[in-house]
PDB file of N, CA and C in Angstrom:
ATOM      1  N   UNK A   1     151.743 140.064  52.921  1.00  0.00           N
ATOM      2  CA  UNK A   1     152.601 139.147  53.645  1.00  0.00           C
ATOM      3  C   UNK A   1     151.769 138.051  54.316  1.00  0.00           C
ATOM      4  N   UNK A   2     150.635 138.448  54.887  1.00  0.00           N
ATOM      5  CA  UNK A   2     149.782 137.486  55.577  1.00  0.00           C
ATOM      6  C   UNK A   2     149.311 136.399  54.612  1.00  0.00           C
ATOM      7  N   UNK A   3     148.818 136.812  53.440  1.00  0.00           N
ATOM      8  CA  UNK A   3     148.298 135.857  52.464  1.00  0.00           C
ATOM      9  C   UNK A   3     149.390 134.958  51.896  1.00  0.00           C
ATOM     10  N   UNK A   4     150.636 135.434  51.904  1.00  0.00           N
ATOM     11  CA  UNK A   4     151.751 134.647  51.380  1.00  0.00           C
ATOM     12  C   UNK A   4     152.460 133.849  52.474  1.00  0.00           C
ATOM     13  N   UNK A   5     151.911 133.868  53.678  1.00  0.00           N
ATOM     14  CA  UNK A   5     152.481 133.150  54.833  1.00  0.00           C
ATOM     15  C   UNK A   5     153.914 133.594  55.140  1.00  0.00           C
ATOM     16  N   UNK A   6     154.164 134.883  54.982  1.00  0.00           N
ATOM     17  CA  UNK A   6     155.474 135.455  55.310  1.00  0.00           C
ATOM     18  C   UNK A   6     155.417 136.042  56.713  1.00  0.00           C
ATOM     19  N   UNK A   7     156.450 135.840  57.531  1.00  0.00           N
ATOM     20  CA  UNK A   7     156.455 136.415  58.874  1.00  0.00           C
ATOM     21  C   UNK A   7     156.347 137.934  58.842  1.00  0.00           C
ATOM     22  N   UNK A   8     155.524 138.474  59.751  1.00  0.00           N
ATOM     23  CA  UNK A   8     155.322 139.917  59.856  1.00  0.00           C
ATOM     24  C   UNK A   8     156.426 140.574  60.680  1.00  0.00           C
ATOM     25  N   UNK A   9     157.086 139.790  61.516  1.00  0.00           N
ATOM     26  CA  UNK A   9     158.152 140.319  62.372  1.00  0.00           C
ATOM     27  C   UNK A   9     159.159 139.214  62.648  1.00  0.00           C
ATOM     28  N   UNK A  10     160.367 139.631  63.028  1.00  0.00           N
ATOM     29  CA  UNK A  10     161.426 138.676  63.346  1.00  0.00           C
ATOM     30  C   UNK A  10     162.103 139.125  64.635  1.00  0.00           C
ATOM     31  N   UNK A  11     162.316 138.182  65.525  1.00  0.00           N
ATOM     32  CA  UNK A  11     163.035 138.439  66.761  1.00  0.00           C
ATOM     33  C   UNK A  11     164.269 137.549  66.801  1.00  0.00           C
ATOM     34  N   UNK A  12     165.357 138.089  67.300  1.00  0.00           N
ATOM     35  CA  UNK A  12     166.608 137.338  67.391  1.00  0.00           C
ATOM     36  C   UNK A  12     166.795 136.816  68.813  1.00  0.00           C
ATOM     37  N   UNK A  13     167.408 135.650  68.921  1.00  0.00           N
ATOM     38  CA  UNK A  13     167.655 135.003  70.198  1.00  0.00           C
ATOM     39  C   UNK A  13     169.021 134.330  70.177  1.00  0.00           C
ATOM     40  N   UNK A  14     169.540 134.045  71.351  1.00  0.00           N
ATOM     41  CA  UNK A  14     170.800 133.313  71.447  1.00  0.00           C
ATOM     42  C   UNK A  14     170.590 131.806  71.380  1.00  0.00           C
ATOM     43  N   UNK A  15     169.344 131.343  71.664  1.00  0.00           N
ATOM     44  CA  UNK A  15     169.065 129.903  71.654  1.00  0.00           C
ATOM     45  C   UNK A  15     167.606 129.679  71.262  1.00  0.00           C
ATOM     46  N   UNK A  16     167.369 129.465  69.991  1.00  0.00           N
ATOM     47  CA  UNK A  16     166.004 129.307  69.493  1.00  0.00           C
ATOM     48  C   UNK A  16     165.343 128.051  70.055  1.00  0.00           C
ATOM     49  N   UNK A  17     166.085 126.988  70.299  1.00  0.00           N
ATOM     50  CA  UNK A  17     165.495 125.747  70.830  1.00  0.00           C
ATOM     51  C   UNK A  17     164.938 125.972  72.238  1.00  0.00           C
ATOM     52  N   UNK A  18     165.681 126.653  73.086  1.00  0.00           N
ATOM     53  CA  UNK A  18     165.224 126.941  74.450  1.00  0.00           C
ATOM     54  C   UNK A  18     163.971 127.819  74.414  1.00  0.00           C
ATOM     55  N   UNK A  19     163.984 128.855  73.575  1.00  0.00           N
ATOM     56  CA  UNK A  19     162.826 129.737  73.473  1.00  0.00           C
ATOM     57  C   UNK A  19     161.614 129.008  72.887  1.00  0.00           C
ATOM     58  N   UNK A  20     161.848 128.141  71.926  1.00  0.00           N
ATOM     59  CA  UNK A  20     160.777 127.329  71.340  1.00  0.00           C
ATOM     60  C   UNK A  20     160.111 126.473  72.422  1.00  0.00           C
ATOM     61  N   UNK A  21     160.904 125.767  73.195  1.00  0.00           N
ATOM     62  CA  UNK A  21     160.359 124.901  74.251  1.00  0.00           C
ATOM     63  C   UNK A  21     159.586 125.716  75.290  1.00  0.00           C
ATOM     64  N   UNK A  22     160.121 126.868  75.673  1.00  0.00           N
ATOM     65  CA  UNK A  22     159.468 127.717  76.666  1.00  0.00           C
ATOM     66  C   UNK A  22     158.130 128.236  76.141  1.00  0.00           C
ATOM     67  N   UNK A  23     158.129 128.771  74.923  1.00  0.00           N
ATOM     68  CA  UNK A  23     156.893 129.332  74.367  1.00  0.00           C
ATOM     69  C   UNK A  23     155.862 128.245  74.061  1.00  0.00           C
ATOM     70  N   UNK A  24     156.307 127.113  73.549  1.00  0.00           N
ATOM     71  CA  UNK A  24     155.395 125.996  73.258  1.00  0.00           C
ATOM     72  C   UNK A  24     154.756 125.495  74.550  1.00  0.00           C
ATOM     73  N   UNK A  25     155.544 125.448  75.616  1.00  0.00           N
ATOM     74  CA  UNK A  25     155.030 125.033  76.909  1.00  0.00           C
ATOM     75  C   UNK A  25     153.979 125.971  77.473  1.00  0.00           C
ATOM     76  N   UNK A  26     153.980 127.192  76.990  1.00  0.00           N
ATOM     77  CA  UNK A  26     152.983 128.183  77.435  1.00  0.00           C
ATOM     78  C   UNK A  26     151.836 128.330  76.447  1.00  0.00           C
ATOM     79  N   UNK A  27     151.779 127.436  75.463  1.00  0.00           N
ATOM     80  CA  UNK A  27     150.637 127.395  74.559  1.00  0.00           C
ATOM     81  C   UNK A  27     150.813 128.065  73.213  1.00  0.00           C
ATOM     82  N   UNK A  28     152.021 128.515  72.878  1.00  0.00           N
ATOM     83  CA  UNK A  28     152.241 129.136  71.566  1.00  0.00           C
ATOM     84  C   UNK A  28     152.027 128.103  70.465  1.00  0.00           C
ATOM     85  N   UNK A  29     151.440 128.549  69.358  1.00  0.00           N
ATOM     86  CA  UNK A  29     151.182 127.672  68.219  1.00  0.00           C
ATOM     87  C   UNK A  29     152.242 127.915  67.144  1.00  0.00           C
ATOM     88  N   UNK A  30     153.126 126.956  66.974  1.00  0.00           N
ATOM     89  CA  UNK A  30     154.197 127.056  65.991  1.00  0.00           C
ATOM     90  C   UNK A  30     153.769 126.430  64.673  1.00  0.00           C
ATOM     91  N   UNK A  31     154.079 127.115  63.582  1.00  0.00           N
ATOM     92  CA  UNK A  31     153.820 126.559  62.265  1.00  0.00           C
ATOM     93  C   UNK A  31     155.067 125.858  61.729  1.00  0.00           C
ATOM     94  N   UNK A  32     156.218 126.148  62.359  1.00  0.00           N
ATOM     95  CA  UNK A  32     157.467 125.478  61.990  1.00  0.00           C
ATOM     96  C   UNK A  32     158.351 125.379  63.232  1.00  0.00           C
ATOM     97  N   UNK A  33     158.693 124.172  63.662  1.00  0.00           N
ATOM     98  CA  UNK A  33     159.612 124.029  64.791  1.00  0.00           C
ATOM     99  C   UNK A  33     161.012 124.481  64.375  1.00  0.00           C
ATOM    100  N   UNK A  34     161.943 124.579  65.327  1.00  0.00           N
ATOM    101  CA  UNK A  34     163.298 125.010  64.981  1.00  0.00           C
ATOM    102  C   UNK A  34     163.880 124.193  63.825  1.00  0.00           C
ATOM    103  N   UNK A  35     164.438 124.918  62.871  1.00  0.00           N
ATOM    104  CA  UNK A  35     164.991 124.292  61.673  1.00  0.00           C
ATOM    105  C   UNK A  35     166.268 125.014  61.287  1.00  0.00           C
ATOM    106  N   UNK A  36     167.297 124.241  60.940  1.00  0.00           N
ATOM    107  CA  UNK A  36     168.545 124.831  60.447  1.00  0.00           C
ATOM    108  C   UNK A  36     168.353 125.292  59.016  1.00  0.00           C
ATOM    109  N   UNK A  37     168.684 126.552  58.776  1.00  0.00           N
ATOM    110  CA  UNK A  37     168.678 127.128  57.430  1.00  0.00           C
ATOM    111  C   UNK A  37     170.031 127.808  57.228  1.00  0.00           C
ATOM    112  N   UNK A  38     170.260 128.368  56.087  1.00  0.00           N
ATOM    113  CA  UNK A  38     171.548 128.978  55.791  1.00  0.00           C
ATOM    114  C   UNK A  38     171.941 130.007  56.839  1.00  0.00           C
ATOM    115  N   UNK A  39     173.019 129.760  57.536  1.00  0.00           N
ATOM    116  CA  UNK A  39     173.630 130.663  58.525  1.00  0.00           C
ATOM    117  C   UNK A  39     172.748 130.989  59.723  1.00  0.00           C
ATOM    118  N   UNK A  40     171.686 130.200  59.959  1.00  0.00           N
ATOM    119  CA  UNK A  40     170.857 130.451  61.129  1.00  0.00           C
ATOM    120  C   UNK A  40     169.956 129.251  61.417  1.00  0.00           C
ATOM    121  N   UNK A  41     169.254 129.356  62.539  1.00  0.00           N
ATOM    122  CA  UNK A  41     168.227 128.385  62.910  1.00  0.00           C
ATOM    123  C   UNK A  41     166.984 129.218  63.184  1.00  0.00           C
ATOM    124  N   UNK A  42     165.841 128.800  62.628  1.00  0.00           N
ATOM    125  CA  UNK A  42     164.622 129.591  62.786  1.00  0.00           C
ATOM    126  C   UNK A  42     163.459 128.721  63.242  1.00  0.00           C
ATOM    127  N   UNK A  43     162.478 129.374  63.847  1.00  0.00           N
ATOM    128  CA  UNK A  43     161.192 128.776  64.169  1.00  0.00           C
ATOM    129  C   UNK A  43     160.148 129.842  63.867  1.00  0.00           C
ATOM    130  N   UNK A  44     158.941 129.411  63.512  1.00  0.00           N
ATOM    131  CA  UNK A  44     157.881 130.355  63.171  1.00  0.00           C
ATOM    132  C   UNK A  44     156.629 130.005  63.976  1.00  0.00           C
ATOM    133  N   UNK A  45     156.020 131.029  64.568  1.00  0.00           N
ATOM    134  CA  UNK A  45     154.814 130.853  65.347  1.00  0.00           C
ATOM    135  C   UNK A  45     153.771 131.876  64.953  1.00  0.00           C
ATOM    136  N   UNK A  46     152.528 131.636  65.345  1.00  0.00           N
ATOM    137  CA  UNK A  46     151.429 132.573  65.104  1.00  0.00           C
ATOM    138  C   UNK A  46     151.229 133.416  66.349  1.00  0.00           C
ATOM    139  N   UNK A  47     150.954 134.728  66.140  1.00  0.00           N
ATOM    140  CA  UNK A  47     150.578 135.543  67.284  1.00  0.00           C
ATOM    141  C   UNK A  47     149.075 135.408  67.489  1.00  0.00           C
ATOM    142  N   UNK A  48     148.516 136.147  68.426  1.00  0.00           N
ATOM    143  CA  UNK A  48     147.094 135.993  68.750  1.00  0.00           C
ATOM    144  C   UNK A  48     146.163 136.467  67.641  1.00  0.00           C
ATOM    145  N   UNK A  49     146.687 137.199  66.653  1.00  0.00           N
ATOM    146  CA  UNK A  49     145.888 137.662  65.505  1.00  0.00           C
ATOM    147  C   UNK A  49     146.101 136.794  64.272  1.00  0.00           C
ATOM    148  N   UNK A  50     146.952 135.757  64.382  1.00  0.00           N
ATOM    149  CA  UNK A  50     147.223 134.877  63.260  1.00  0.00           C
ATOM    150  C   UNK A  50     148.406 135.280  62.408  1.00  0.00           C
ATOM    151  N   UNK A  51     149.050 136.410  62.735  1.00  0.00           N
ATOM    152  CA  UNK A  51     150.248 136.814  62.006  1.00  0.00           C
ATOM    153  C   UNK A  51     151.402 135.881  62.354  1.00  0.00           C
ATOM    154  N   UNK A  52     152.306 135.685  61.424  1.00  0.00           N
ATOM    155  CA  UNK A  52     153.457 134.827  61.669  1.00  0.00           C
ATOM    156  C   UNK A  52     154.619 135.645  62.224  1.00  0.00           C
ATOM    157  N   UNK A  53     155.291 135.081  63.214  1.00  0.00           N
ATOM    158  CA  UNK A  53     156.456 135.689  63.845  1.00  0.00           C
ATOM    159  C   UNK A  53     157.606 134.705  63.734  1.00  0.00           C
ATOM    160  N   UNK A  54     158.748 135.180  63.269  1.00  0.00           N
ATOM    161  CA  UNK A  54     159.927 134.328  63.131  1.00  0.00           C
ATOM    162  C   UNK A  54     160.891 134.590  64.277  1.00  0.00           C
ATOM    163  N   UNK A  55     161.374 133.529  64.881  1.00  0.00           N
ATOM    164  CA  UNK A  55     162.404 133.610  65.920  1.00  0.00           C
ATOM    165  C   UNK A  55     163.682 133.058  65.303  1.00  0.00           C
ATOM    166  N   UNK A  56     164.760 133.848  65.346  1.00  0.00           N
ATOM    167  CA  UNK A  56     165.983 133.524  64.612  1.00  0.00           C
ATOM    168  C   UNK A  56     167.187 133.473  65.529  1.00  0.00           C
ATOM    169  N   UNK A  57     167.997 132.450  65.359  1.00  0.00           N
ATOM    170  CA  UNK A  57     169.302 132.331  66.024  1.00  0.00           C
ATOM    171  C   UNK A  57     170.351 132.319  64.933  1.00  0.00           C
ATOM    172  N   UNK A  58     171.195 133.329  64.925  1.00  0.00           N
ATOM    173  CA  UNK A  58     172.254 133.394  63.916  1.00  0.00           C
ATOM    174  C   UNK A  58     173.352 132.392  64.236  1.00  0.00           C
ATOM    175  N   UNK A  59     173.928 131.806  63.209  1.00  0.00           N
ATOM    176  CA  UNK A  59     175.019 130.844  63.386  1.00  0.00           C
ATOM    177  C   UNK A  59     176.240 131.541  63.950  1.00  0.00           C
ATOM    178  N   UNK A  60     176.944 130.874  64.802  1.00  0.00           N
ATOM    179  CA  UNK A  60     178.210 131.400  65.354  1.00  0.00           C
ATOM    180  C   UNK A  60     179.351 130.785  64.582  1.00  0.00           C
ATOM    181  N   UNK A  61     180.206 131.602  64.043  1.00  0.00           N
ATOM    182  CA  UNK A  61     181.314 131.118  63.238  1.00  0.00           C
ATOM    183  C   UNK A  61     182.520 130.880  64.068  1.00  0.00           C
TER     184      UNK A  61
END
């Protein structure tokens, strides 16, 4: 997964934009800012070991 740049873990949130701004403000390194994808909005960041972590907000219907 690491070599293929696939996230090692995924966390769900109610507002990915708010969490993105908060974590970025504290020095988190994002490889992808919040982006709308099918039925959700996601952002991807690196943890302290270089693994990718995905933060996901599911679409509300």
